[in-house]
PDB file of all heavy atoms in Angstrom:
ATOM      1  N   GLU A   1       4.740 -21.960 -18.767  1.00  0.00           N
ATOM      2  CA  GLU A   1       4.775 -21.162 -19.974  1.00  0.00           C
ATOM      3  C   GLU A   1       5.881 -21.646 -20.963  1.00  0.00           C
ATOM      4  O   GLU A   1       5.547 -21.825 -22.109  1.00  0.00           O
ATOM      5  CB  GLU A   1       5.084 -19.740 -19.565  1.00  0.00           C
ATOM      6  CG  GLU A   1       4.063 -19.020 -18.640  1.00  0.00           C
ATOM      7  CD  GLU A   1       2.747 -18.838 -19.328  1.00  0.00           C
ATOM      8  OE1 GLU A   1       2.659 -18.546 -20.569  1.00  0.00           O
ATOM      9  OE2 GLU A   1       1.726 -19.088 -18.637  1.00  0.00           O
ATOM     10  N   LYS A   2       7.101 -21.769 -20.456  1.00  0.00           N
ATOM     11  CA  LYS A   2       8.100 -22.185 -21.353  1.00  0.00           C
ATOM     12  C   LYS A   2       8.028 -23.671 -21.696  1.00  0.00           C
ATOM     13  O   LYS A   2       7.299 -24.414 -21.014  1.00  0.00           O
ATOM     14  CB  LYS A   2       9.502 -21.839 -20.757  1.00  0.00           C
ATOM     15  CG  LYS A   2       9.829 -22.592 -19.527  1.00  0.00           C
ATOM     16  CD  LYS A   2      11.189 -22.138 -18.961  1.00  0.00           C
ATOM     17  CE  LYS A   2      11.428 -22.801 -17.590  1.00  0.00           C
ATOM     18  NZ  LYS A   2      12.519 -22.314 -16.955  1.00  0.00           N
ATOM     19  N   GLU A   3       8.697 -24.064 -22.781  1.00  0.00           N
ATOM     20  CA  GLU A   3       8.669 -25.486 -23.185  1.00  0.00           C
ATOM     21  C   GLU A   3       9.116 -26.404 -22.062  1.00  0.00           C
ATOM     22  O   GLU A   3      10.052 -26.132 -21.403  1.00  0.00           O
ATOM     23  CB  GLU A   3       9.551 -25.732 -24.401  1.00  0.00           C
ATOM     24  CG  GLU A   3       9.399 -27.099 -25.003  1.00  0.00           C
ATOM     25  CD  GLU A   3      10.237 -27.262 -26.248  1.00  0.00           C
ATOM     26  OE1 GLU A   3      11.220 -26.546 -26.401  1.00  0.00           O
ATOM     27  OE2 GLU A   3       9.892 -28.120 -27.076  1.00  0.00           O
ATOM     28  N   PHE A   4       8.322 -27.453 -21.802  1.00  0.00           N
ATOM     29  CA  PHE A   4       8.670 -28.361 -20.723  1.00  0.00           C
ATOM     30  C   PHE A   4       9.804 -29.247 -21.041  1.00  0.00           C
ATOM     31  O   PHE A   4       9.884 -29.909 -22.095  1.00  0.00           O
ATOM     32  CB  PHE A   4       7.466 -29.271 -20.432  1.00  0.00           C
ATOM     33  CG  PHE A   4       7.693 -30.241 -19.247  1.00  0.00           C
ATOM     34  CD1 PHE A   4       7.504 -29.620 -17.960  1.00  0.00           C
ATOM     35  CD2 PHE A   4       8.007 -31.514 -19.411  1.00  0.00           C
ATOM     36  CE1 PHE A   4       7.687 -30.490 -16.884  1.00  0.00           C
ATOM     37  CE2 PHE A   4       8.217 -32.346 -18.325  1.00  0.00           C
ATOM     38  CZ  PHE A   4       8.155 -31.839 -17.063  1.00  0.00           C
ATOM     39  N   ASP A   5      10.884 -29.242 -20.154  1.00  0.00           N
ATOM     40  CA  ASP A   5      12.044 -30.017 -20.309  1.00  0.00           C
ATOM     41  C   ASP A   5      12.199 -30.900 -19.035  1.00  0.00           C
ATOM     42  O   ASP A   5      12.408 -30.433 -18.006  1.00  0.00           O
ATOM     43  CB  ASP A   5      13.209 -29.038 -20.423  1.00  0.00           C
ATOM     44  CG  ASP A   5      14.598 -29.739 -20.562  1.00  0.00           C
ATOM     45  OD1 ASP A   5      14.782 -30.754 -19.885  1.00  0.00           O
ATOM     46  OD2 ASP A   5      15.428 -29.222 -21.319  1.00  0.00           O
ATOM     47  N   PHE A   6      11.968 -32.207 -19.261  1.00  0.00           N
ATOM     48  CA  PHE A   6      11.930 -33.112 -18.115  1.00  0.00           C
ATOM     49  C   PHE A   6      13.215 -33.053 -17.356  1.00  0.00           C
ATOM     50  O   PHE A   6      13.248 -32.928 -16.159  1.00  0.00           O
ATOM     51  CB  PHE A   6      11.583 -34.534 -18.618  1.00  0.00           C
ATOM     52  CG  PHE A   6      11.652 -35.546 -17.506  1.00  0.00           C
ATOM     53  CD1 PHE A   6      10.684 -35.555 -16.486  1.00  0.00           C
ATOM     54  CD2 PHE A   6      12.597 -36.569 -17.450  1.00  0.00           C
ATOM     55  CE1 PHE A   6      10.679 -36.503 -15.471  1.00  0.00           C
ATOM     56  CE2 PHE A   6      12.652 -37.467 -16.428  1.00  0.00           C
ATOM     57  CZ  PHE A   6      11.655 -37.418 -15.462  1.00  0.00           C
ATOM     58  N   ALA A   7      14.330 -33.174 -17.971  1.00  0.00           N
ATOM     59  CA  ALA A   7      15.672 -33.294 -17.274  1.00  0.00           C
ATOM     60  C   ALA A   7      15.896 -32.007 -16.486  1.00  0.00           C
ATOM     61  O   ALA A   7      16.239 -32.002 -15.300  1.00  0.00           O
ATOM     62  CB  ALA A   7      16.753 -33.494 -18.268  1.00  0.00           C
ATOM     63  N   ALA A   8      15.652 -30.790 -17.144  1.00  0.00           N
ATOM     64  CA  ALA A   8      15.920 -29.580 -16.508  1.00  0.00           C
ATOM     65  C   ALA A   8      14.978 -29.408 -15.366  1.00  0.00           C
ATOM     66  O   ALA A   8      15.398 -28.885 -14.245  1.00  0.00           O
ATOM     67  CB  ALA A   8      15.778 -28.456 -17.524  1.00  0.00           C
ATOM     68  N   THR A   9      13.700 -29.698 -15.496  1.00  0.00           N
ATOM     69  CA  THR A   9      12.684 -29.579 -14.462  1.00  0.00           C
ATOM     70  C   THR A   9      12.847 -30.496 -13.291  1.00  0.00           C
ATOM     71  O   THR A   9      12.938 -30.118 -12.113  1.00  0.00           O
ATOM     72  CB  THR A   9      11.339 -29.738 -15.005  1.00  0.00           C
ATOM     73  OG1 THR A   9      11.190 -28.807 -16.099  1.00  0.00           O
ATOM     74  CG2 THR A   9      10.231 -29.464 -13.996  1.00  0.00           C
ATOM     75  N   TYR A  10      12.980 -31.823 -13.502  1.00  0.00           N
ATOM     76  CA  TYR A  10      13.043 -32.816 -12.475  1.00  0.00           C
ATOM     77  C   TYR A  10      14.422 -33.009 -11.828  1.00  0.00           C
ATOM     78  O   TYR A  10      14.594 -33.727 -10.816  1.00  0.00           O
ATOM     79  CB  TYR A  10      12.317 -34.128 -12.877  1.00  0.00           C
ATOM     80  CG  TYR A  10      10.903 -34.026 -12.705  1.00  0.00           C
ATOM     81  CD1 TYR A  10      10.019 -33.454 -13.607  1.00  0.00           C
ATOM     82  CD2 TYR A  10      10.272 -34.599 -11.586  1.00  0.00           C
ATOM     83  CE1 TYR A  10       8.694 -33.381 -13.499  1.00  0.00           C
ATOM     84  CE2 TYR A  10       8.925 -34.536 -11.459  1.00  0.00           C
ATOM     85  CZ  TYR A  10       8.147 -33.920 -12.347  1.00  0.00           C
ATOM     86  OH  TYR A  10       6.759 -33.815 -12.180  1.00  0.00           O
ATOM     87  N   SER A  11      15.477 -32.488 -12.448  1.00  0.00           N
ATOM     88  CA  SER A  11      16.819 -32.625 -11.872  1.00  0.00           C
ATOM     89  C   SER A  11      17.006 -31.797 -10.669  1.00  0.00           C
ATOM     90  O   SER A  11      17.855 -31.927  -9.896  1.00  0.00           O
ATOM     91  CB  SER A  11      17.881 -32.166 -12.930  1.00  0.00           C
ATOM     92  OG  SER A  11      17.976 -33.158 -13.950  1.00  0.00           O
ATOM     93  N   PHE A  12      15.990 -30.832 -10.409  1.00  0.00           N
ATOM     94  CA  PHE A  12      15.958 -30.035  -9.167  1.00  0.00           C
ATOM     95  C   PHE A  12      15.468 -30.787  -7.982  1.00  0.00           C
ATOM     96  O   PHE A  12      15.531 -30.298  -6.899  1.00  0.00           O
ATOM     97  CB  PHE A  12      15.260 -28.724  -9.424  1.00  0.00           C
ATOM     98  CG  PHE A  12      15.966 -27.886 -10.365  1.00  0.00           C
ATOM     99  CD1 PHE A  12      15.288 -27.602 -11.624  1.00  0.00           C
ATOM    100  CD2 PHE A  12      17.146 -27.332 -10.092  1.00  0.00           C
ATOM    101  CE1 PHE A  12      15.982 -26.739 -12.499  1.00  0.00           C
ATOM    102  CE2 PHE A  12      17.765 -26.429 -11.054  1.00  0.00           C
ATOM    103  CZ  PHE A  12      17.174 -26.209 -12.244  1.00  0.00           C
ATOM    104  N   VAL A  13      14.828 -31.957  -8.259  1.00  0.00           N
ATOM    105  CA  VAL A  13      14.347 -32.759  -7.104  1.00  0.00           C
ATOM    106  C   VAL A  13      15.528 -33.091  -6.158  1.00  0.00           C
ATOM    107  O   VAL A  13      16.543 -33.462  -6.655  1.00  0.00           O
ATOM    108  CB  VAL A  13      13.674 -34.042  -7.616  1.00  0.00           C
ATOM    109  CG1 VAL A  13      13.135 -34.888  -6.417  1.00  0.00           C
ATOM    110  CG2 VAL A  13      12.499 -33.698  -8.469  1.00  0.00           C
ATOM    111  N   ASN A  14      15.300 -33.005  -4.895  1.00  0.00           N
ATOM    112  CA  ASN A  14      16.447 -33.140  -3.963  1.00  0.00           C
ATOM    113  C   ASN A  14      16.788 -34.609  -3.735  1.00  0.00           C
ATOM    114  O   ASN A  14      16.432 -35.210  -2.692  1.00  0.00           O
ATOM    115  CB  ASN A  14      16.032 -32.471  -2.618  1.00  0.00           C
ATOM    116  CG  ASN A  14      17.231 -32.393  -1.712  1.00  0.00           C
ATOM    117  OD1 ASN A  14      18.360 -32.513  -2.159  1.00  0.00           O
ATOM    118  ND2 ASN A  14      17.004 -32.306  -0.435  1.00  0.00           N
ATOM    119  N   THR A  15      17.489 -35.183  -4.703  1.00  0.00           N
ATOM    120  CA  THR A  15      18.040 -36.554  -4.556  1.00  0.00           C
ATOM    121  C   THR A  15      19.557 -36.455  -4.746  1.00  0.00           C
ATOM    122  O   THR A  15      19.968 -35.552  -5.494  1.00  0.00           O
ATOM    123  CB  THR A  15      17.453 -37.520  -5.591  1.00  0.00           C
ATOM    124  OG1 THR A  15      17.703 -36.968  -6.895  1.00  0.00           O
ATOM    125  CG2 THR A  15      15.982 -37.636  -5.340  1.00  0.00           C
ATOM    126  N   ALA A  16      20.322 -37.309  -4.156  1.00  0.00           N
ATOM    127  CA  ALA A  16      21.740 -37.373  -4.289  1.00  0.00           C
ATOM    128  C   ALA A  16      22.104 -37.595  -5.770  1.00  0.00           C
ATOM    129  O   ALA A  16      21.479 -38.340  -6.457  1.00  0.00           O
ATOM    130  CB  ALA A  16      22.302 -38.401  -3.448  1.00  0.00           C
ATOM    131  N   ARG A  17      23.063 -36.938  -6.246  1.00  0.00           N
ATOM    132  CA  ARG A  17      23.610 -37.151  -7.600  1.00  0.00           C
ATOM    133  C   ARG A  17      25.072 -37.526  -7.649  1.00  0.00           C
ATOM    134  O   ARG A  17      25.840 -37.063  -6.825  1.00  0.00           O
ATOM    135  CB  ARG A  17      23.483 -35.811  -8.410  1.00  0.00           C
ATOM    136  CG  ARG A  17      22.067 -35.396  -8.654  1.00  0.00           C
ATOM    137  CD  ARG A  17      21.559 -36.110 -10.008  1.00  0.00           C
ATOM    138  NE  ARG A  17      20.216 -35.785 -10.166  1.00  0.00           N
ATOM    139  CZ  ARG A  17      19.304 -36.670 -10.454  1.00  0.00           C
ATOM    140  NH1 ARG A  17      19.684 -37.930 -10.706  1.00  0.00           N
ATOM    141  NH2 ARG A  17      18.001 -36.275 -10.668  1.00  0.00           N
ATOM    142  N   MET A  18      25.322 -38.401  -8.530  1.00  0.00           N
ATOM    143  CA  MET A  18      26.778 -38.711  -8.693  1.00  0.00           C
ATOM    144  C   MET A  18      27.414 -37.603  -9.352  1.00  0.00           C
ATOM    145  O   MET A  18      26.996 -37.129 -10.471  1.00  0.00           O
ATOM    146  CB  MET A  18      26.899 -40.017  -9.490  1.00  0.00           C
ATOM    147  CG  MET A  18      26.228 -41.260  -8.832  1.00  0.00           C
ATOM    148  SD  MET A  18      26.401 -42.704  -9.759  1.00  0.00           S
ATOM    149  CE  MET A  18      27.892 -43.242  -9.144  1.00  0.00           C
ATOM    150  N   THR A  19      28.455 -37.091  -8.792  1.00  0.00           N
ATOM    151  CA  THR A  19      29.106 -35.872  -9.316  1.00  0.00           C
ATOM    152  C   THR A  19      29.733 -36.077 -10.628  1.00  0.00           C
ATOM    153  O   THR A  19      29.913 -35.123 -11.446  1.00  0.00           O
ATOM    154  CB  THR A  19      30.205 -35.354  -8.304  1.00  0.00           C
ATOM    155  OG1 THR A  19      31.173 -36.413  -8.142  1.00  0.00           O
ATOM    156  CG2 THR A  19      29.592 -34.945  -6.980  1.00  0.00           C
ATOM    157  N   THR A  20      30.063 -37.255 -11.047  1.00  0.00           N
ATOM    158  CA  THR A  20      30.760 -37.564 -12.388  1.00  0.00           C
ATOM    159  C   THR A  20      29.641 -37.993 -13.422  1.00  0.00           C
ATOM    160  O   THR A  20      30.091 -38.212 -14.530  1.00  0.00           O
ATOM    161  CB  THR A  20      31.796 -38.626 -12.177  1.00  0.00           C
ATOM    162  OG1 THR A  20      31.105 -39.851 -11.785  1.00  0.00           O
ATOM    163  CG2 THR A  20      32.826 -38.254 -11.219  1.00  0.00           C
ATOM    164  N   SER A  21      28.438 -37.986 -13.116  1.00  0.00           N
ATOM    165  CA  SER A  21      27.482 -38.493 -14.057  1.00  0.00           C
ATOM    166  C   SER A  21      27.456 -37.728 -15.323  1.00  0.00           C
ATOM    167  O   SER A  21      27.254 -38.251 -16.386  1.00  0.00           O
ATOM    168  CB  SER A  21      26.057 -38.604 -13.415  1.00  0.00           C
ATOM    169  OG  SER A  21      25.585 -37.400 -13.052  1.00  0.00           O
ATOM    170  N   GLY A  22      27.482 -36.414 -15.246  1.00  0.00           N
ATOM    171  CA  GLY A  22      27.453 -35.614 -16.466  1.00  0.00           C
ATOM    172  C   GLY A  22      28.649 -35.897 -17.369  1.00  0.00           C
ATOM    173  O   GLY A  22      28.450 -36.104 -18.639  1.00  0.00           O
ATOM    174  N   GLY A  23      29.808 -36.060 -16.779  1.00  0.00           N
ATOM    175  CA  GLY A  23      30.976 -36.454 -17.584  1.00  0.00           C
ATOM    176  C   GLY A  23      30.849 -37.835 -18.221  1.00  0.00           C
ATOM    177  O   GLY A  23      31.199 -38.026 -19.366  1.00  0.00           O
ATOM    178  N   ARG A  24      30.381 -38.770 -17.451  1.00  0.00           N
ATOM    179  CA  ARG A  24      30.143 -40.088 -17.891  1.00  0.00           C
ATOM    180  C   ARG A  24      29.132 -40.167 -19.066  1.00  0.00           C
ATOM    181  O   ARG A  24      29.394 -40.864 -20.017  1.00  0.00           O
ATOM    182  CB  ARG A  24      29.630 -41.065 -16.740  1.00  0.00           C
ATOM    183  CG  ARG A  24      30.700 -41.379 -15.721  1.00  0.00           C
ATOM    184  CD  ARG A  24      30.189 -42.212 -14.620  1.00  0.00           C
ATOM    185  NE  ARG A  24      29.924 -43.531 -15.098  1.00  0.00           N
ATOM    186  CZ  ARG A  24      28.844 -44.301 -14.783  1.00  0.00           C
ATOM    187  NH1 ARG A  24      27.910 -43.789 -14.008  1.00  0.00           N
ATOM    188  NH2 ARG A  24      28.746 -45.438 -15.199  1.00  0.00           N
ATOM    189  N   TYR A  25      28.113 -39.395 -18.863  1.00  0.00           N
ATOM    190  CA  TYR A  25      27.123 -39.429 -19.983  1.00  0.00           C
ATOM    191  C   TYR A  25      27.690 -38.837 -21.245  1.00  0.00           C
ATOM    192  O   TYR A  25      27.491 -39.409 -22.288  1.00  0.00           O
ATOM    193  CB  TYR A  25      25.830 -38.550 -19.481  1.00  0.00           C
ATOM    194  CG  TYR A  25      24.794 -38.355 -20.555  1.00  0.00           C
ATOM    195  CD1 TYR A  25      23.946 -39.412 -20.799  1.00  0.00           C
ATOM    196  CD2 TYR A  25      24.768 -37.225 -21.294  1.00  0.00           C
ATOM    197  CE1 TYR A  25      22.914 -39.269 -21.784  1.00  0.00           C
ATOM    198  CE2 TYR A  25      23.876 -37.080 -22.314  1.00  0.00           C
ATOM    199  CZ  TYR A  25      22.903 -38.194 -22.572  1.00  0.00           C
ATOM    200  OH  TYR A  25      22.037 -37.981 -23.596  1.00  0.00           O
TER     201      TYR A  25
END
């Protein structure tokens, strides 16, 4: 229903994330 947002939707996939990536970006 809501507008599709790739990052918001697929970031929930259970893969390891670098904890500092948001800050680096």
